[in-house]
Full PDB file with SEQRES, HELIX, SHEET, SSBOND, CRYST1, ORIGX, SCALE, CONECT and MASTER records, all heavy atoms in Angstrom:
SEQRES   1 A   33  MET MET LYS MET HIS GLY PRO MET MET LYS ALA ALA MET          
SEQRES   2 A   33  ILE LYS ASP PRO ASP LEU ALA PHE ASN CYS GLY MET ILE          
SEQRES   3 A   33  ALA HIS HIS GLN GLY ALA ILE                                  
HELIX    1 AA1 MET A    2  ALA A   12  1                                  11    
HELIX    2 AA2 PRO A   17  ALA A   32  1                                  16    
CRYST1    1.000    1.000    1.000  90.00  90.00  90.00 P 1           1          
ORIGX1      1.000000  0.000000  0.000000        0.00000                         
ORIGX2      0.000000  1.000000  0.000000        0.00000                         
ORIGX3      0.000000  0.000000  1.000000        0.00000                         
SCALE1      1.000000  0.000000  0.000000        0.00000                         
SCALE2      0.000000  1.000000  0.000000        0.00000                         
SCALE3      0.000000  0.000000  1.000000        0.00000                         
ATOM      1  N   MET A   1     -14.050 -13.448  24.659  1.00  0.00           N  
ATOM      2  CA  MET A   1     -14.763 -12.658  23.658  1.00  0.00           C  
ATOM      3  C   MET A   1     -13.961 -11.442  23.155  1.00  0.00           C  
ATOM      4  O   MET A   1     -13.960 -11.199  21.977  1.00  0.00           O  
ATOM      5  CB  MET A   1     -16.076 -12.167  24.279  1.00  0.00           C  
ATOM      6  CG  MET A   1     -17.026 -13.306  24.552  1.00  0.00           C  
ATOM      7  SD  MET A   1     -18.584 -12.805  25.523  1.00  0.00           S  
ATOM      8  CE  MET A   1     -19.266 -11.534  24.381  1.00  0.00           C  
ATOM      9  N   MET A   2     -13.210 -10.835  24.086  1.00  0.00           N  
ATOM     10  CA  MET A   2     -12.435  -9.749  23.587  1.00  0.00           C  
ATOM     11  C   MET A   2     -11.365 -10.119  22.645  1.00  0.00           C  
ATOM     12  O   MET A   2     -10.957  -9.406  21.705  1.00  0.00           O  
ATOM     13  CB  MET A   2     -11.733  -9.039  24.831  1.00  0.00           C  
ATOM     14  CG  MET A   2     -12.803  -8.520  25.732  1.00  0.00           C  
ATOM     15  SD  MET A   2     -13.925  -7.267  25.148  1.00  0.00           S  
ATOM     16  CE  MET A   2     -12.797  -5.942  24.766  1.00  0.00           C  
ATOM     17  N   LYS A   3     -10.743 -11.369  22.874  1.00  0.00           N  
ATOM     18  CA  LYS A   3      -9.669 -11.687  21.902  1.00  0.00           C  
ATOM     19  C   LYS A   3     -10.227 -12.016  20.490  1.00  0.00           C  
ATOM     20  O   LYS A   3      -9.475 -12.019  19.535  1.00  0.00           O  
ATOM     21  CB  LYS A   3      -8.982 -13.039  22.510  1.00  0.00           C  
ATOM     22  CG  LYS A   3      -8.132 -12.729  23.672  1.00  0.00           C  
ATOM     23  CD  LYS A   3      -7.284 -13.835  24.122  1.00  0.00           C  
ATOM     24  CE  LYS A   3      -8.122 -15.034  24.726  1.00  0.00           C  
ATOM     25  NZ  LYS A   3      -7.302 -16.008  25.351  1.00  0.00           N  
ATOM     26  N   MET A   4     -11.434 -12.395  20.488  1.00  0.00           N  
ATOM     27  CA  MET A   4     -12.045 -12.881  19.088  1.00  0.00           C  
ATOM     28  C   MET A   4     -12.609 -11.516  18.383  1.00  0.00           C  
ATOM     29  O   MET A   4     -12.626 -11.465  17.181  1.00  0.00           O  
ATOM     30  CB  MET A   4     -13.030 -13.914  19.188  1.00  0.00           C  
ATOM     31  CG  MET A   4     -14.380 -13.546  19.582  1.00  0.00           C  
ATOM     32  SD  MET A   4     -15.532 -14.925  19.474  1.00  0.00           S  
ATOM     33  CE  MET A   4     -16.868 -14.192  20.361  1.00  0.00           C  
ATOM     34  N   HIS A   5     -13.018 -10.570  19.117  1.00  0.00           N  
ATOM     35  CA  HIS A   5     -13.665  -9.466  18.425  1.00  0.00           C  
ATOM     36  C   HIS A   5     -12.836  -8.685  17.410  1.00  0.00           C  
ATOM     37  O   HIS A   5     -13.257  -8.346  16.387  1.00  0.00           O  
ATOM     38  CB  HIS A   5     -14.353  -8.540  19.444  1.00  0.00           C  
ATOM     39  CG  HIS A   5     -15.664  -9.019  19.960  1.00  0.00           C  
ATOM     40  ND1 HIS A   5     -16.393  -8.481  20.917  1.00  0.00           N  
ATOM     41  CD2 HIS A   5     -16.344 -10.169  19.609  1.00  0.00           C  
ATOM     42  CE1 HIS A   5     -17.488  -9.118  21.184  1.00  0.00           C  
ATOM     43  NE2 HIS A   5     -17.470 -10.179  20.405  1.00  0.00           N  
ATOM     44  N   GLY A   6     -11.662  -8.362  17.856  1.00  0.00           N  
ATOM     45  CA  GLY A   6     -10.674  -7.636  17.000  1.00  0.00           C  
ATOM     46  C   GLY A   6     -10.531  -8.361  15.555  1.00  0.00           C  
ATOM     47  O   GLY A   6     -10.744  -7.846  14.505  1.00  0.00           O  
ATOM     48  N   PRO A   7     -10.106  -9.608  15.609  1.00  0.00           N  
ATOM     49  CA  PRO A   7      -9.914 -10.358  14.444  1.00  0.00           C  
ATOM     50  C   PRO A   7     -11.298 -10.522  13.661  1.00  0.00           C  
ATOM     51  O   PRO A   7     -11.222 -10.545  12.361  1.00  0.00           O  
ATOM     52  CB  PRO A   7      -9.461 -11.781  14.875  1.00  0.00           C  
ATOM     53  CG  PRO A   7      -8.744 -11.354  16.148  1.00  0.00           C  
ATOM     54  CD  PRO A   7      -9.537 -10.440  16.713  1.00  0.00           C  
ATOM     55  N   MET A   8     -12.403 -10.647  14.288  1.00  0.00           N  
ATOM     56  CA  MET A   8     -13.686 -10.825  13.547  1.00  0.00           C  
ATOM     57  C   MET A   8     -13.946  -9.457  12.871  1.00  0.00           C  
ATOM     58  O   MET A   8     -14.426  -9.478  11.750  1.00  0.00           O  
ATOM     59  CB  MET A   8     -14.855 -11.110  14.566  1.00  0.00           C  
ATOM     60  CG  MET A   8     -14.770 -12.595  15.019  1.00  0.00           C  
ATOM     61  SD  MET A   8     -16.154 -13.027  16.088  1.00  0.00           S  
ATOM     62  CE  MET A   8     -17.507 -12.661  15.008  1.00  0.00           C  
ATOM     63  N   MET A   9     -13.796  -8.332  13.507  1.00  0.00           N  
ATOM     64  CA  MET A   9     -13.964  -7.013  12.916  1.00  0.00           C  
ATOM     65  C   MET A   9     -13.036  -6.910  11.722  1.00  0.00           C  
ATOM     66  O   MET A   9     -13.418  -6.271  10.658  1.00  0.00           O  
ATOM     67  CB  MET A   9     -13.816  -5.898  13.904  1.00  0.00           C  
ATOM     68  CG  MET A   9     -14.951  -5.863  14.840  1.00  0.00           C  
ATOM     69  SD  MET A   9     -14.956  -4.381  15.996  1.00  0.00           S  
ATOM     70  CE  MET A   9     -13.285  -4.314  16.564  1.00  0.00           C  
ATOM     71  N   LYS A  10     -11.798  -7.299  11.879  1.00  0.00           N  
ATOM     72  CA  LYS A  10     -10.776  -7.168  10.780  1.00  0.00           C  
ATOM     73  C   LYS A  10     -11.267  -7.918   9.518  1.00  0.00           C  
ATOM     74  O   LYS A  10     -11.221  -7.601   8.497  1.00  0.00           O  
ATOM     75  CB  LYS A  10      -9.463  -7.652  11.242  1.00  0.00           C  
ATOM     76  CG  LYS A  10      -8.283  -7.413  10.262  1.00  0.00           C  
ATOM     77  CD  LYS A  10      -7.038  -7.658  10.894  1.00  0.00           C  
ATOM     78  CE  LYS A  10      -5.860  -7.185  10.154  1.00  0.00           C  
ATOM     79  NZ  LYS A  10      -4.529  -7.275  10.706  1.00  0.00           N  
ATOM     80  N   ALA A  11     -11.733  -9.240   9.847  1.00  0.00           N  
ATOM     81  CA  ALA A  11     -12.245 -10.032   8.802  1.00  0.00           C  
ATOM     82  C   ALA A  11     -13.483  -9.538   8.082  1.00  0.00           C  
ATOM     83  O   ALA A  11     -13.681  -9.672   6.944  1.00  0.00           O  
ATOM     84  CB  ALA A  11     -12.664 -11.532   9.307  1.00  0.00           C  
ATOM     85  N   ALA A  12     -14.323  -8.813   8.885  1.00  0.00           N  
ATOM     86  CA  ALA A  12     -15.492  -8.137   8.287  1.00  0.00           C  
ATOM     87  C   ALA A  12     -15.100  -6.964   7.248  1.00  0.00           C  
ATOM     88  O   ALA A  12     -15.917  -6.713   6.388  1.00  0.00           O  
ATOM     89  CB  ALA A  12     -16.367  -7.531   9.405  1.00  0.00           C  
ATOM     90  N   MET A  13     -13.935  -6.649   7.275  1.00  0.00           N  
ATOM     91  CA  MET A  13     -13.461  -5.563   6.371  1.00  0.00           C  
ATOM     92  C   MET A  13     -12.924  -6.135   5.072  1.00  0.00           C  
ATOM     93  O   MET A  13     -12.563  -5.366   4.117  1.00  0.00           O  
ATOM     94  CB  MET A  13     -12.313  -4.617   7.076  1.00  0.00           C  
ATOM     95  CG  MET A  13     -12.957  -3.985   8.293  1.00  0.00           C  
ATOM     96  SD  MET A  13     -14.496  -3.168   8.059  1.00  0.00           S  
ATOM     97  CE  MET A  13     -14.042  -1.819   6.940  1.00  0.00           C  
ATOM     98  N   ILE A  14     -12.759  -7.418   4.956  1.00  0.00           N  
ATOM     99  CA  ILE A  14     -12.309  -8.048   3.679  1.00  0.00           C  
ATOM    100  C   ILE A  14     -13.395  -7.984   2.649  1.00  0.00           C  
ATOM    101  O   ILE A  14     -14.593  -8.297   2.987  1.00  0.00           O  
ATOM    102  CB  ILE A  14     -12.019  -9.606   3.955  1.00  0.00           C  
ATOM    103  CG1 ILE A  14     -10.870  -9.643   4.957  1.00  0.00           C  
ATOM    104  CG2 ILE A  14     -11.644 -10.216   2.743  1.00  0.00           C  
ATOM    105  CD1 ILE A  14     -10.513 -11.085   5.450  1.00  0.00           C  
ATOM    106  N   LYS A  15     -13.044  -7.563   1.486  1.00  0.00           N  
ATOM    107  CA  LYS A  15     -14.031  -7.358   0.423  1.00  0.00           C  
ATOM    108  C   LYS A  15     -14.485  -8.589  -0.190  1.00  0.00           C  
ATOM    109  O   LYS A  15     -15.656  -8.690  -0.585  1.00  0.00           O  
ATOM    110  CB  LYS A  15     -13.430  -6.340  -0.719  1.00  0.00           C  
ATOM    111  CG  LYS A  15     -13.180  -4.977  -0.158  1.00  0.00           C  
ATOM    112  CD  LYS A  15     -12.732  -4.134  -1.219  1.00  0.00           C  
ATOM    113  CE  LYS A  15     -12.517  -2.642  -0.688  1.00  0.00           C  
ATOM    114  NZ  LYS A  15     -12.247  -1.670  -1.770  1.00  0.00           N  
ATOM    115  N   ASP A  16     -13.719  -9.529  -0.322  1.00  0.00           N  
ATOM    116  CA  ASP A  16     -14.273 -10.921  -0.896  1.00  0.00           C  
ATOM    117  C   ASP A  16     -15.031 -11.495   0.169  1.00  0.00           C  
ATOM    118  O   ASP A  16     -14.683 -11.870   1.206  1.00  0.00           O  
ATOM    119  CB  ASP A  16     -12.962 -11.697  -1.146  1.00  0.00           C  
ATOM    120  CG  ASP A  16     -13.401 -13.069  -1.813  1.00  0.00           C  
ATOM    121  OD1 ASP A  16     -13.925 -13.891  -0.962  1.00  0.00           O  
ATOM    122  OD2 ASP A  16     -13.086 -13.275  -2.919  1.00  0.00           O  
ATOM    123  N   PRO A  17     -16.310 -11.779  -0.243  1.00  0.00           N  
ATOM    124  CA  PRO A  17     -17.344 -12.355   0.737  1.00  0.00           C  
ATOM    125  C   PRO A  17     -17.011 -13.766   1.254  1.00  0.00           C  
ATOM    126  O   PRO A  17     -17.298 -14.065   2.360  1.00  0.00           O  
ATOM    127  CB  PRO A  17     -18.589 -12.369  -0.078  1.00  0.00           C  
ATOM    128  CG  PRO A  17     -18.340 -12.374  -1.502  1.00  0.00           C  
ATOM    129  CD  PRO A  17     -16.956 -11.561  -1.620  1.00  0.00           C  
ATOM    130  N   ASP A  18     -16.359 -14.610   0.390  1.00  0.00           N  
ATOM    131  CA  ASP A  18     -16.052 -15.877   0.868  1.00  0.00           C  
ATOM    132  C   ASP A  18     -14.772 -15.832   1.833  1.00  0.00           C  
ATOM    133  O   ASP A  18     -14.865 -16.655   2.804  1.00  0.00           O  
ATOM    134  CB  ASP A  18     -15.664 -16.800  -0.394  1.00  0.00           C  
ATOM    135  CG  ASP A  18     -16.774 -16.922  -1.310  1.00  0.00           C  
ATOM    136  OD1 ASP A  18     -17.955 -17.099  -0.897  1.00  0.00           O  
ATOM    137  OD2 ASP A  18     -16.606 -16.756  -2.522  1.00  0.00           O  
ATOM    138  N   LEU A  19     -13.829 -15.054   1.547  1.00  0.00           N  
ATOM    139  CA  LEU A  19     -12.697 -14.799   2.456  1.00  0.00           C  
ATOM    140  C   LEU A  19     -13.195 -14.307   3.751  1.00  0.00           C  
ATOM    141  O   LEU A  19     -12.906 -14.652   4.908  1.00  0.00           O  
ATOM    142  CB  LEU A  19     -11.619 -14.053   1.906  1.00  0.00           C  
ATOM    143  CG  LEU A  19     -10.530 -14.752   1.031  1.00  0.00           C  
ATOM    144  CD1 LEU A  19      -9.590 -13.701   0.316  1.00  0.00           C  
ATOM    145  CD2 LEU A  19      -9.834 -15.813   1.863  1.00  0.00           C  
ATOM    146  N   ALA A  20     -14.044 -13.279   3.691  1.00  0.00           N  
ATOM    147  CA  ALA A  20     -14.590 -12.572   4.863  1.00  0.00           C  
ATOM    148  C   ALA A  20     -15.350 -13.639   5.763  1.00  0.00           C  
ATOM    149  O   ALA A  20     -15.114 -13.581   6.975  1.00  0.00           O  
ATOM    150  CB  ALA A  20     -15.542 -11.446   4.446  1.00  0.00           C  
ATOM    151  N   PHE A  21     -16.160 -14.393   5.125  1.00  0.00           N  
ATOM    152  CA  PHE A  21     -16.963 -15.454   5.852  1.00  0.00           C  
ATOM    153  C   PHE A  21     -15.929 -16.291   6.693  1.00  0.00           C  
ATOM    154  O   PHE A  21     -16.138 -16.616   7.806  1.00  0.00           O  
ATOM    155  CB  PHE A  21     -17.845 -16.078   5.021  1.00  0.00           C  
ATOM    156  CG  PHE A  21     -18.408 -17.341   5.700  1.00  0.00           C  
ATOM    157  CD1 PHE A  21     -19.540 -17.198   6.527  1.00  0.00           C  
ATOM    158  CD2 PHE A  21     -18.020 -18.527   5.344  1.00  0.00           C  
ATOM    159  CE1 PHE A  21     -20.071 -18.376   7.194  1.00  0.00           C  
ATOM    160  CE2 PHE A  21     -18.559 -19.751   5.869  1.00  0.00           C  
ATOM    161  CZ  PHE A  21     -19.495 -19.550   6.920  1.00  0.00           C  
ATOM    162  N   ASN A  22     -15.107 -17.035   5.827  1.00  0.00           N  
ATOM    163  CA  ASN A  22     -14.281 -17.943   6.455  1.00  0.00           C  
ATOM    164  C   ASN A  22     -13.281 -17.397   7.411  1.00  0.00           C  
ATOM    165  O   ASN A  22     -13.091 -18.034   8.549  1.00  0.00           O  
ATOM    166  CB  ASN A  22     -13.387 -18.631   5.317  1.00  0.00           C  
ATOM    167  CG  ASN A  22     -14.258 -19.720   4.641  1.00  0.00           C  
ATOM    168  OD1 ASN A  22     -14.610 -20.790   4.995  1.00  0.00           O  
ATOM    169  ND2 ASN A  22     -14.755 -19.400   3.361  1.00  0.00           N  
ATOM    170  N   CYS A  23     -12.733 -16.271   7.243  1.00  0.00           N  
ATOM    171  CA  CYS A  23     -11.846 -15.649   8.177  1.00  0.00           C  
ATOM    172  C   CYS A  23     -12.625 -15.238   9.483  1.00  0.00           C  
ATOM    173  O   CYS A  23     -12.060 -15.455  10.484  1.00  0.00           O  
ATOM    174  CB  CYS A  23     -11.131 -14.450   7.551  1.00  0.00           C  
ATOM    175  SG  CYS A  23     -10.092 -14.928   6.143  1.00  0.00           S  
ATOM    176  N   GLY A  24     -13.664 -14.660   9.237  1.00  0.00           N  
ATOM    177  CA  GLY A  24     -14.585 -14.259  10.525  1.00  0.00           C  
ATOM    178  C   GLY A  24     -14.958 -15.399  11.205  1.00  0.00           C  
ATOM    179  O   GLY A  24     -14.883 -15.445  12.522  1.00  0.00           O  
ATOM    180  N   MET A  25     -15.207 -16.541  10.665  1.00  0.00           N  
ATOM    181  CA  MET A  25     -15.678 -17.763  11.392  1.00  0.00           C  
ATOM    182  C   MET A  25     -14.534 -18.442  12.039  1.00  0.00           C  
ATOM    183  O   MET A  25     -14.703 -19.023  13.109  1.00  0.00           O  
ATOM    184  CB  MET A  25     -16.449 -18.715  10.384  1.00  0.00           C  
ATOM    185  CG  MET A  25     -17.763 -18.216   9.976  1.00  0.00           C  
ATOM    186  SD  MET A  25     -18.974 -17.795  11.331  1.00  0.00           S  
ATOM    187  CE  MET A  25     -19.176 -19.474  12.024  1.00  0.00           C  
ATOM    188  N   ILE A  26     -13.277 -18.347  11.424  1.00  0.00           N  
ATOM    189  CA  ILE A  26     -12.174 -18.851  12.275  1.00  0.00           C  
ATOM    190  C   ILE A  26     -12.013 -18.195  13.485  1.00  0.00           C  
ATOM    191  O   ILE A  26     -11.819 -18.859  14.486  1.00  0.00           O  
ATOM    192  CB  ILE A  26     -10.892 -18.738  11.201  1.00  0.00           C  
ATOM    193  CG1 ILE A  26     -11.051 -19.687  10.177  1.00  0.00           C  
ATOM    194  CG2 ILE A  26      -9.644 -19.002  12.079  1.00  0.00           C  
ATOM    195  CD1 ILE A  26      -9.952 -19.503   8.989  1.00  0.00           C  
ATOM    196  N   ALA A  27     -12.038 -16.874  13.521  1.00  0.00           N  
ATOM    197  CA  ALA A  27     -11.971 -16.039  14.775  1.00  0.00           C  
ATOM    198  C   ALA A  27     -13.067 -16.425  15.642  1.00  0.00           C  
ATOM    199  O   ALA A  27     -12.863 -16.628  16.840  1.00  0.00           O  
ATOM    200  CB  ALA A  27     -11.929 -14.610  14.375  1.00  0.00           C  
ATOM    201  N   HIS A  28     -14.247 -16.523  15.200  1.00  0.00           N  
ATOM    202  CA  HIS A  28     -15.448 -16.755  15.954  1.00  0.00           C  
ATOM    203  C   HIS A  28     -15.327 -18.197  16.668  1.00  0.00           C  
ATOM    204  O   HIS A  28     -15.468 -18.346  17.833  1.00  0.00           O  
ATOM    205  CB  HIS A  28     -16.659 -16.823  15.065  1.00  0.00           C  
ATOM    206  CG  HIS A  28     -17.933 -17.086  15.817  1.00  0.00           C  
ATOM    207  ND1 HIS A  28     -18.493 -16.201  16.762  1.00  0.00           N  
ATOM    208  CD2 HIS A  28     -18.764 -18.194  15.681  1.00  0.00           C  
ATOM    209  CE1 HIS A  28     -19.602 -16.766  17.225  1.00  0.00           C  
ATOM    210  NE2 HIS A  28     -19.757 -17.902  16.644  1.00  0.00           N  
ATOM    211  N   HIS A  29     -14.804 -19.174  15.884  1.00  0.00           N  
ATOM    212  CA  HIS A  29     -14.619 -20.520  16.408  1.00  0.00           C  
ATOM    213  C   HIS A  29     -13.534 -20.605  17.433  1.00  0.00           C  
ATOM    214  O   HIS A  29     -13.639 -21.265  18.477  1.00  0.00           O  
ATOM    215  CB  HIS A  29     -14.382 -21.547  15.359  1.00  0.00           C  
ATOM    216  CG  HIS A  29     -15.564 -21.924  14.536  1.00  0.00           C  
ATOM    217  ND1 HIS A  29     -16.768 -21.204  14.364  1.00  0.00           N  
ATOM    218  CD2 HIS A  29     -15.774 -23.203  13.930  1.00  0.00           C  
ATOM    219  CE1 HIS A  29     -17.528 -21.877  13.618  1.00  0.00           C  
ATOM    220  NE2 HIS A  29     -17.032 -23.139  13.400  1.00  0.00           N  
ATOM    221  N   GLN A  30     -12.407 -19.796  17.199  1.00  0.00           N  
ATOM    222  CA  GLN A  30     -11.427 -19.761  18.170  1.00  0.00           C  
ATOM    223  C   GLN A  30     -11.898 -19.115  19.523  1.00  0.00           C  
ATOM    224  O   GLN A  30     -11.505 -19.586  20.644  1.00  0.00           O  
ATOM    225  CB  GLN A  30     -10.129 -18.869  17.637  1.00  0.00           C  
ATOM    226  CG  GLN A  30      -9.397 -19.668  16.636  1.00  0.00           C  
ATOM    227  CD  GLN A  30      -8.443 -18.875  16.024  1.00  0.00           C  
ATOM    228  OE1 GLN A  30      -8.348 -17.569  16.079  1.00  0.00           O  
ATOM    229  NE2 GLN A  30      -7.483 -19.510  15.331  1.00  0.00           N  
ATOM    230  N   GLY A  31     -12.775 -18.093  19.451  1.00  0.00           N  
ATOM    231  CA  GLY A  31     -13.449 -17.608  20.605  1.00  0.00           C  
ATOM    232  C   GLY A  31     -14.273 -18.597  21.371  1.00  0.00           C  
ATOM    233  O   GLY A  31     -14.281 -18.696  22.578  1.00  0.00           O  
ATOM    234  N   ALA A  32     -15.049 -19.339  20.573  1.00  0.00           N  
ATOM    235  CA  ALA A  32     -15.918 -20.414  21.193  1.00  0.00           C  
ATOM    236  C   ALA A  32     -15.088 -21.397  21.854  1.00  0.00           C  
ATOM    237  O   ALA A  32     -15.399 -21.979  23.053  1.00  0.00           O  
ATOM    238  CB  ALA A  32     -16.702 -21.123  20.161  1.00  0.00           C  
ATOM    239  N   ILE A  33     -13.930 -21.753  21.312  1.00  0.00           N  
ATOM    240  CA  ILE A  33     -13.026 -22.797  22.071  1.00  0.00           C  
ATOM    241  C   ILE A  33     -12.539 -22.075  23.288  1.00  0.00           C  
ATOM    242  O   ILE A  33     -12.500 -22.820  24.347  1.00  0.00           O  
ATOM    243  CB  ILE A  33     -11.874 -23.126  21.108  1.00  0.00           C  
ATOM    244  CG1 ILE A  33     -12.342 -24.016  19.952  1.00  0.00           C  
ATOM    245  CG2 ILE A  33     -10.718 -23.825  21.929  1.00  0.00           C  
ATOM    246  CD1 ILE A  33     -11.444 -24.264  18.813  1.00  0.00           C  
TER     247      ILE A  33                                                      
MASTER        0    0    0    2    0    0    0    6  246    1    0    3          
END                                                                             
């Protein structure tokens, strides 16, 4: 969980909503793995 939270927070700061969604979900999925 700790490894995914930083990248997820970073992705949340992306202004483009489509990029923010996909980038955040990549980090989230990597954490789930």
